[in-house]
Protein backbone atom coordinates (compact mmCIF):
# COMPACT_ATOMS: atom_id res chain seq x y z
CA MET A 1 -17.78 11.37 12.84
CA ASN A 2 -14.82 12.84 13.40
CA LEU A 3 -13.81 16.44 11.65
CA PRO A 4 -10.07 15.81 9.79
CA THR A 5 -7.23 18.33 9.75
CA VAL A 6 -5.88 19.12 6.18
CA ILE A 7 -2.44 18.43 5.24
CA THR A 8 -0.63 19.76 2.03
CA LEU A 9 1.91 17.64 0.11
CA THR A 10 3.73 19.43 -2.31
CA PHE A 11 5.42 17.73 -5.21
CA ASN A 12 8.27 19.44 -7.51
CA ALA A 13 6.76 20.23 -10.93
CA LYS A 14 9.43 18.08 -12.90
CA ARG A 15 9.10 14.90 -11.80
CA ASN A 16 4.96 15.54 -10.88
CA ARG A 17 4.29 14.19 -14.38
CA VAL A 18 3.41 9.79 -14.22
CA SER A 19 2.43 9.86 -17.96
CA LYS A 20 0.91 12.02 -20.58
CA ASN A 21 -2.80 12.57 -18.50
CA LYS A 22 -1.62 11.84 -14.89
CA GLU A 23 0.38 13.77 -12.35
CA LEU A 24 1.61 11.80 -9.09
CA ARG A 25 -1.04 14.12 -6.85
CA ASP A 26 -4.32 12.18 -9.24
CA GLY A 27 -3.63 8.84 -7.76
CA LEU A 28 -2.15 8.19 -3.90
CA SER A 29 -2.02 4.58 -3.34
CA ALA A 30 0.54 4.03 -0.40
CA VAL A 31 1.96 6.30 2.50
CA MET A 32 4.32 6.17 5.40
CA GLN A 33 5.72 8.30 8.27
CA ILE A 34 9.67 8.23 8.56
CA ALA A 35 10.38 10.73 11.19
CA ASP A 36 9.86 14.30 9.45
CA THR A 37 9.28 13.15 5.67
CA LEU A 38 6.73 11.11 4.13
CA TRP A 39 6.56 7.90 1.73
CA VAL A 40 4.23 7.68 -1.02
CA ALA A 41 4.08 6.00 -4.07
CA ASN A 42 1.48 6.20 -7.12
CA ASP A 43 0.00 3.25 -8.24
CA GLU A 44 1.03 3.97 -11.83
CA ALA A 45 4.72 4.61 -11.15
CA THR A 46 7.49 2.83 -10.69
CA SER A 47 9.09 4.80 -8.05
CA LEU A 48 9.06 6.21 -4.57
CA GLU A 49 8.59 9.60 -3.61
CA ARG A 50 9.46 11.55 -0.43
CA LEU A 51 8.13 14.87 0.84
CA SER A 52 9.38 16.49 3.68
CA LEU A 53 7.60 17.93 6.57
CA VAL A 54 7.22 22.20 6.76
CA LYS A 55 5.68 23.74 9.50
CA SER A 56 4.10 27.05 9.09
CA ARG A 57 5.07 29.91 11.94
CA LYS A 58 2.08 31.45 10.96
CA SER A 59 -1.28 29.10 10.33
CA GLY A 60 -0.21 26.56 13.04
CA GLY A 61 -0.77 24.35 9.78
CA MET A 62 0.97 21.39 8.71
CA THR A 63 2.01 20.91 4.20
CA PHE A 64 5.20 18.62 3.29
CA SER A 65 7.32 19.71 0.46
CA SER A 66 11.06 19.17 -0.74
CA HIS A 67 9.85 16.25 -3.02
CA GLU A 68 12.58 13.88 -3.95
CA GLN A 69 11.84 10.88 -6.18
CA PHE A 70 13.73 7.63 -5.67
CA ALA A 71 13.00 5.00 -9.02
CA LEU A 72 12.38 1.36 -7.78
CA HIS A 73 14.52 0.27 -10.22
CA ASP A 74 17.81 1.78 -8.34
CA PHE A 75 17.19 -0.64 -5.59
CA LEU A 76 15.40 -3.27 -6.74
CA ARG A 77 15.06 -5.50 -9.88
CA LEU A 78 11.36 -5.18 -12.20
CA PRO A 79 11.13 -8.13 -13.35
CA ARG A 80 8.84 -6.59 -16.29
CA ARG A 81 10.76 -4.63 -19.30
CA VAL A 82 9.45 -2.61 -22.51
CA LYS A 83 12.25 -3.25 -25.62
CA GLY A 84 13.34 -0.74 -27.09
CA SER A 85 12.19 1.63 -23.95
CA LYS A 86 13.27 3.39 -20.97
CA SER A 87 9.94 2.88 -19.46
CA GLN A 88 8.86 0.37 -17.51
CA PRO A 89 5.14 -0.92 -16.39
CA GLU A 90 3.34 0.63 -13.40
CA VAL A 91 4.08 -0.97 -9.97
CA ASP A 92 1.19 -0.84 -9.11
CA VAL A 93 2.10 0.16 -5.56
CA GLU A 94 -0.64 -0.53 -2.61
CA GLY A 95 1.40 -0.47 0.18
CA LEU A 96 3.77 1.08 2.51
CA ALA A 97 5.51 -0.11 5.73
CA TYR A 98 8.46 0.74 8.08
CA ALA A 99 10.67 -1.52 10.13
CA GLU A 100 14.01 -2.20 11.34
CA GLY A 101 15.80 -0.10 8.98
CA TYR A 102 13.56 -1.10 6.28
CA LEU A 103 10.91 0.47 3.78
CA TRP A 104 8.62 -2.28 2.59
CA VAL A 105 6.89 -2.41 -0.65
CA VAL A 106 4.00 -4.35 -1.77
CA GLY A 107 2.83 -4.38 -5.66
CA SER A 108 -0.89 -5.20 -6.04
CA HIS A 109 -0.41 -8.98 -7.25
CA SER A 110 -3.89 -8.22 -9.57
CA LEU A 111 -4.79 -9.03 -13.54
CA ILE A 112 -5.87 -5.75 -15.48
CA ARG A 113 -9.22 -5.86 -17.02
CA ARG A 114 -9.09 -3.09 -19.84
CA LYS A 115 -10.82 0.18 -19.18
CA PRO A 116 -12.88 1.16 -22.02
CA GLU A 117 -12.79 3.57 -23.78
CA SER A 118 -16.70 5.16 -24.63
CA ASP A 119 -15.68 7.91 -27.65
CA ASP A 120 -14.23 4.46 -29.32
CA GLY A 121 -18.09 3.21 -30.16
CA ASP A 122 -20.23 0.42 -28.01
CA LYS A 123 -18.88 -2.62 -30.53
CA GLU A 124 -14.98 -1.41 -30.21
CA ALA A 125 -15.77 -0.83 -25.86
CA ARG A 126 -17.08 -3.95 -25.57
CA GLN A 127 -13.69 -5.84 -27.18
CA GLN A 128 -12.12 -3.34 -24.94
CA LEU A 129 -14.13 -4.64 -21.58
CA GLN A 130 -12.87 -8.29 -22.24
CA GLN A 131 -9.30 -7.62 -22.19
CA VAL A 132 -7.55 -8.94 -19.27
CA SER A 133 -3.77 -8.41 -18.46
CA ARG A 134 -1.17 -8.91 -16.12
CA SER A 135 1.98 -7.35 -15.27
CA GLY A 136 5.07 -8.74 -13.51
CA ASN A 137 5.85 -5.69 -11.89
CA ARG A 138 2.59 -6.09 -9.88
CA TYR A 139 3.76 -8.81 -8.58
CA LEU A 140 6.58 -7.30 -5.77
CA LEU A 141 6.81 -7.79 -2.21
CA ALA A 142 10.10 -6.09 -1.38
CA ARG A 143 12.36 -4.35 1.26
CA ILE A 144 14.79 -1.57 1.22
CA PRO A 145 17.32 -0.13 3.52
CA VAL A 146 16.43 3.37 4.75
CA GLU A 147 19.77 5.54 5.77
CA GLU A 148 19.78 9.03 7.04
CA ALA A 149 21.81 11.79 4.69
CA HIS A 150 22.16 15.04 6.49
CA GLY A 151 19.58 14.16 9.08
CA ILE A 152 16.75 13.01 6.59
CA PRO A 153 15.75 9.47 5.56
CA ARG A 154 16.95 8.41 2.16
CA LEU A 155 17.24 4.47 0.60
CA ALA A 156 20.07 2.48 -0.61
CA LYS A 157 20.96 -0.41 -1.63
CA LYS A 158 23.42 -1.53 0.97
CA VAL A 159 23.74 -0.03 4.00
CA THR A 160 26.37 -1.08 7.04
CA GLN A 161 25.51 0.32 10.50
CA ASP A 162 27.62 -0.60 13.69
CA GLY A 163 28.64 -4.00 11.84
CA THR A 164 25.44 -4.85 10.56
CA LYS A 165 24.81 -5.30 6.82
CA ARG A 166 20.96 -4.31 5.48
CA ARG A 167 20.65 -4.58 1.86
CA ALA A 168 18.06 -4.41 -0.61
CA ALA A 169 15.84 -7.84 -0.77
CA GLN A 170 12.41 -8.89 -2.63
CA LEU A 171 10.51 -12.23 -2.18
CA ARG A 172 11.51 -13.83 -6.16
CA GLY A 173 9.37 -13.71 -9.18
CA ASP A 174 8.69 -13.06 -12.90
CA ASP A 175 6.18 -11.74 -15.34
CA GLN A 176 3.40 -14.85 -14.22
CA GLY A 177 4.08 -14.04 -10.51
CA ASN A 178 6.35 -14.61 -7.60
CA ASP A 179 6.90 -17.51 -5.15
CA LEU A 180 3.41 -15.93 -3.01
CA THR A 181 1.09 -16.20 -5.55
CA LYS A 182 2.75 -19.85 -6.49
CA ALA A 183 1.77 -20.99 -2.63
CA LEU A 184 -1.70 -19.66 -2.92
CA ARG A 185 -3.24 -20.89 -6.58
CA ARG A 186 -3.43 -24.25 -4.54
CA ASP A 187 -4.76 -22.25 -1.17
CA GLY A 188 -9.25 -23.65 -1.47
CA HIS A 189 -10.16 -20.29 0.00
CA LEU A 190 -8.19 -17.87 -3.08
CA ARG A 191 -7.01 -20.08 -5.74
CA SER A 192 -9.66 -19.57 -7.67
CA TYR A 193 -9.89 -15.78 -7.77
CA PHE A 194 -6.30 -15.56 -9.75
CA SER A 195 -7.39 -15.21 -13.01
CA ILE A 196 -9.96 -12.20 -12.06
CA PRO A 197 -8.87 -8.88 -11.92
CA GLY A 198 -8.79 -7.55 -8.77
CA LYS A 199 -11.19 -4.58 -9.45
CA ASP A 200 -13.68 -7.53 -9.99
CA ASN A 201 -13.52 -9.23 -6.62
CA GLY A 202 -10.40 -10.79 -8.41
CA PHE A 203 -7.41 -11.21 -6.12
CA ASP A 204 -6.04 -7.88 -4.87
CA ILE A 205 -3.62 -6.87 -2.72
CA GLU A 206 -3.76 -3.26 -0.83
CA GLY A 207 -2.21 -2.63 2.87
CA LEU A 208 1.21 -3.52 3.74
CA ALA A 209 2.12 -4.24 7.63
CA VAL A 210 5.38 -5.23 9.26
CA VAL A 211 5.75 -5.87 12.65
CA GLY A 212 8.92 -7.54 14.16
CA LYS A 213 9.72 -10.89 10.81
CA ARG A 214 5.94 -11.13 10.06
CA ILE A 215 4.63 -9.71 6.75
CA PHE A 216 0.26 -8.46 7.35
CA LEU A 217 -1.36 -8.53 3.45
CA GLY A 218 -4.35 -7.32 3.54
CA LEU A 219 -6.52 -8.22 0.33
CA ARG A 220 -9.11 -5.87 -0.95
CA GLY A 221 -10.76 -8.07 -2.75
CA PRO A 222 -11.67 -11.24 -2.71
CA VAL A 223 -14.28 -11.03 -0.25
CA LEU A 224 -16.02 -14.01 0.46
CA ARG A 225 -19.39 -13.94 2.05
CA GLY A 226 -18.54 -10.60 3.80
CA TRP A 227 -15.53 -11.85 4.98
CA ALA A 228 -12.08 -10.02 3.82
CA VAL A 229 -7.98 -11.52 4.37
CA ILE A 230 -5.58 -10.99 5.69
CA LEU A 231 -2.31 -12.83 4.94
CA GLU A 232 0.04 -13.40 7.66
CA LEU A 233 4.13 -14.01 5.59
CA ALA A 234 7.41 -14.65 7.37
CA LEU A 235 10.08 -14.55 5.39
CA ARG A 236 13.95 -15.10 5.36
CA GLU A 237 17.28 -14.41 3.06
CA GLY A 238 18.31 -16.61 0.74
CA ARG A 239 21.10 -19.06 1.94
CA LYS A 240 22.96 -18.82 -1.73
CA LYS A 241 21.48 -14.90 -2.97
CA ALA A 242 20.77 -11.96 0.24
CA SER A 243 18.93 -10.20 -2.65
CA LEU A 244 16.16 -13.05 -2.76
CA LEU A 245 13.74 -12.87 0.56
CA LYS A 246 11.99 -16.46 0.70
CA LEU A 247 8.81 -17.80 2.67
CA LYS A 248 9.34 -20.01 6.09
CA PRO A 249 7.09 -22.08 6.83
CA ILE A 250 4.56 -20.74 9.59
CA GLY A 251 0.94 -22.02 9.01
CA PRO A 252 -0.87 -25.45 9.32
CA HIS A 253 1.12 -28.76 8.04
CA GLY A 254 3.58 -26.53 7.20
CA ARG A 255 1.68 -23.70 5.30
CA LEU A 256 4.11 -20.92 4.16
CA TYR A 257 1.54 -18.18 5.15
CA ARG A 258 -1.50 -18.10 7.09
CA LYS A 259 -4.99 -16.71 6.89
CA HIS A 260 -6.84 -14.37 8.54
CA PHE A 261 -10.17 -13.97 8.01
CA ILE A 262 -11.97 -9.76 9.52
CA HIS A 263 -15.81 -9.39 8.62
CA LEU A 264 -15.83 -5.93 7.60
CA GLY A 265 -19.37 -5.86 6.96
CA GLY A 266 -18.86 -7.06 3.08
CA LEU A 267 -16.08 -4.44 3.01
CA GLY A 268 -12.84 -4.89 1.49
CA ILE A 269 -9.08 -4.04 2.66
CA ARG A 270 -8.02 -0.56 1.64
CA ASP A 271 -4.57 -0.35 3.96
CA LEU A 272 -3.17 -2.06 7.23
CA CYS A 273 -1.45 -0.32 10.08
CA ALA A 274 -0.15 -2.47 12.93
CA GLN A 275 0.78 -0.33 16.57
CA GLY A 276 1.46 -1.70 19.36
CA SER A 277 -0.12 -5.53 18.80
CA ASP A 278 -3.25 -4.02 16.93
CA LEU A 279 -3.91 -3.55 13.37
CA LEU A 280 -5.62 -1.26 12.38
CA ILE A 281 -7.68 -1.86 9.10
CA LEU A 282 -9.18 1.11 6.48
CA ALA A 283 -12.04 -1.03 4.71
CA GLY A 284 -13.08 0.26 1.91
CA PRO A 285 -15.03 -1.73 -1.75
CA THR A 286 -13.71 -4.09 -3.30
CA MET A 287 -14.82 -2.89 -6.36
CA SER A 288 -15.05 0.79 -7.89
CA LEU A 289 -18.11 2.32 -6.25
CA GLU A 290 -18.26 5.34 -4.02
CA GLY A 291 -19.22 3.47 -0.40
CA PRO A 292 -18.86 3.86 3.33
CA VAL A 293 -15.50 3.79 4.26
CA HIS A 294 -14.31 3.20 7.97
CA VAL A 295 -11.42 2.29 10.41
CA PHE A 296 -11.67 -0.79 12.81
CA ARG A 297 -8.97 -1.92 15.53
CA TRP A 298 -8.10 -5.37 15.58
CA ARG A 299 -6.84 -5.71 19.35
CA GLY A 300 -4.22 -8.49 18.69
CA GLY A 301 -3.83 -8.48 15.53
CA ALA A 302 -0.44 -7.86 14.84
CA GLU A 303 0.64 -10.70 17.44
CA PRO A 304 -1.95 -13.65 16.43
CA LYS A 305 -1.28 -17.01 17.82
CA GLY A 306 -2.40 -18.87 14.87
CA GLU A 307 -5.29 -18.20 12.62
CA SER A 308 -8.32 -16.37 13.10
CA MET A 309 -12.29 -15.76 11.93
CA VAL A 310 -13.08 -12.10 13.69
CA PRO A 311 -16.25 -11.56 13.29
CA PHE A 312 -17.54 -8.12 13.00
CA GLU A 313 -18.75 -7.32 16.45
CA LYS A 314 -14.56 -8.16 17.89
CA LEU A 315 -14.04 -5.54 16.02
CA ASP A 316 -13.20 -1.94 17.35
CA HIS A 317 -14.61 1.05 15.46
CA LEU A 318 -12.86 4.02 15.64
CA LEU A 319 -13.41 6.58 12.82
CA ASP A 320 -15.55 6.96 9.77
CA VAL A 321 -13.65 8.30 6.47
CA PRO A 322 -15.37 10.99 4.08
CA HIS A 323 -16.22 9.54 0.97
CA GLY A 324 -17.74 10.10 -2.18
CA ARG A 325 -17.10 12.26 -6.28
CA ASP A 326 -16.08 15.14 -3.89
CA VAL A 327 -13.45 13.77 -1.70
CA GLY A 328 -11.90 11.00 -3.57
CA HIS A 329 -11.38 7.21 -2.71
CA ALA A 330 -9.64 6.75 0.37
CA GLU A 331 -6.33 4.14 -1.05
CA GLY A 332 -3.95 4.68 1.99
CA MET A 333 -2.98 5.47 5.33
CA THR A 334 0.03 5.68 8.34
CA LEU A 335 0.09 6.18 12.18
CA PHE A 336 1.61 9.98 12.32
CA SER A 337 3.04 12.54 14.84
CA ALA A 338 4.35 15.72 13.66
CA ASN A 339 6.70 15.91 17.25
CA GLY A 340 8.29 12.91 17.15
CA GLY A 341 6.46 11.59 19.79
CA PRO A 342 3.69 8.63 19.74
CA ALA A 343 1.67 8.64 16.95
CA ASP A 344 -2.07 10.62 18.21
CA SER A 345 -3.46 10.87 14.31
CA LEU A 346 -4.40 8.82 11.41
CA MET A 347 -2.96 10.59 7.75
CA VAL A 348 -5.13 9.30 5.18
CA ILE A 349 -4.31 9.55 1.74
CA TYR A 350 -6.48 9.75 -1.59
CA ASP A 351 -7.23 8.53 -5.19
CA SER A 352 -9.99 9.70 -7.79
CA ILE A 353 -8.86 13.27 -6.78
CA PRO A 354 -11.14 16.52 -6.85
CA LYS A 355 -10.42 19.25 -7.70
CA LYS A 356 -10.85 21.13 -4.66
CA ARG A 357 -8.45 18.48 -3.40
CA GLN A 358 -5.61 20.11 -5.47
CA SER A 359 -5.10 23.38 -3.20
CA ALA A 360 -2.39 24.77 -6.37
CA ALA A 361 -0.02 23.56 -9.47
CA CYS A 362 1.34 20.28 -8.39
CA ALA A 363 -0.40 20.63 -4.69
CA VAL A 364 -2.73 17.98 -2.95
CA THR A 365 -4.75 17.90 0.36
CA ALA A 366 -4.27 15.14 2.08
CA ASP A 367 -6.69 14.36 5.82
CA LEU A 368 -5.26 14.03 9.13
CA PHE A 369 -7.68 12.14 11.81
CA PRO A 370 -7.34 11.93 15.84
CA LEU A 371 -7.30 8.61 16.72
CA PRO A 372 -8.82 7.21 19.44
CA ASN A 373 -7.59 5.19 22.64
CA ALA A 374 -4.48 5.63 20.90
CA ILE A 375 -1.48 4.06 22.96
CA LYS A 376 0.74 6.38 24.32
């Protein structure tokens, strides 16, 4: 196993609280490096967080701090609102990607099964366990322009640069789903999983990579007889409304998506990264359990010529990621460069954070792994 370098992420105490019982650092679900900044998300929040790199001359270590928060509703339309409240239900951000001046974001698109509270007694807990709900904010696939302010990337609703206009836009959706789920509900492989909560091997998006005009979505579930699923999309701006994105035909017989089946030994996809023409896949358990976590390389995966069936032996095993209660659950990854050159490392962030990762007040640690076979 490659030994990681520990990276510290420090959040602003005034912005670190997600709810009464949870802090931002307790559940990081997605991460993306843009220049000397890290963009991260908590799966129970409705915002994105920007942290800036601080290099320590004494230790040679790296810390990301100077925390700034960007509320998603300032740039996008979140369909689910709570009457009489300024707060909104979680977006469940599970993937971030940066391409062509846009930060892309995707929600899980999954149903929610209520977690039983053991203190309420067995009868009440059983009733809670059968409660399944949906939240429209989870049906989010969007892009937000990134601009520089005093040399630091920030989000903007609209940007005009060199005569080119870029604006925030999202796939059309509401409290019941979006254009993607509408198309997939007729799919022979996936349609029966939309009535199953994500953590029960139901439909659950957890990975995002963007390559040119193509969007790749990695599914944590379902896993079908050991085969995980990557969806490939092509999007365009709406002709009448540029703030809306439309699915373009890309699959067989004019289908609005392609399906790629990847055999990960029974694991689901927890995140994706594009590196050149390849896709890196963070693979882990589909359900809430302690289990192996690996990173694989699918060579040519970012430029498929059609739909794919990729057996296990066709993947490159890059590294093993630590797992267990004393480590946390690997949730997101990003290609990383400490000096502005080509990425030579892979940063991994974790959910279900143990106390030993909480290095100080409002701080948490992530792991940085040397990336074998890095593309120079």
